[in-house]
Amino acid sequence: MSEQPSVQPSPESWVPLPPDQRRVLGVLIEKQKTSKSADAYPMSLNSITTGCNQKSNRDPVTDYSEDDVEETLATLQRRGLVAKVTGSRVDRYRHLLYEVWKVTKVEMAVLAELLLRGPQTEGDLRGRASRMDEIKDVDELRVILKGLAARNLVVYLSPPERRGTTLTHGFHTPDELSRARQTAGASADVEPPPVRAAAPALEARLAEAFDEIAKLKERVAKLEAARQG
């Protein structure tokens, strides 16, 4: 049986998050849900940077430096959305969004995909979020979305429950949201392409590959530090 959307009191609107903060939070959620080893999450600065800039399951593709990501993490810490985990040679970070947003696991998967890719159709969102937590069909997704929309965590950009319905997360600025609505309106008559069943699995494998690369970089950095010390 699937989880039911949480029912919690919430503000009428959420404080907008800049694109860099949305990307970092999306990466932290994604890694928490997809990592298969304990040392992959919480994440190091290097791993987060790699996750932000990977070319799969990201829109737009970015080229943040570690300094950029470190500054973003500091801001997210001040906002109470991220915590630093110390005690090892490399500082690591974890998100605090379950405590802040009060959502279920599957709701968090939906929000992660919207943070990582921005506005998208229900069909695309279901396929992508299912790589983290299973959503059996669009009807099940619509139940989840209704709960999130009631709390303004997601926003419909076109009429709900129709073919090609487009939505996004609730952390855009008013200007961003206006542009997103205009874009969704311009493409409302264009039938979205079907979600390929293999896409979520491929994206998961690519994410694992990027994670392995990040781990190798960390090991090299440790070896270099040990040799210099």
Foldseek 3Di string as FASTA:
>chain_A
DDDAKDADDADPADAADPLLLLLLQLLQLVQVQQPDDPVPPLHFLLLSQLSSQDVPLAPPHDNDDSVRNVVSQVVCVVVVQKDWDDDDPTIGMHGPCCVVVVTDSLLSLLQSSLSRHNKFFLQVSQLQSCLRPHDPDSVSVVSNVVSCVVNQQKAWLDDPPDQRTMIHGRNHDPVVSVVVSVVCVVCVPPGDDGDDNCRNVVSSVVSVVSSVVSVVVVVVVVVVVVVVD
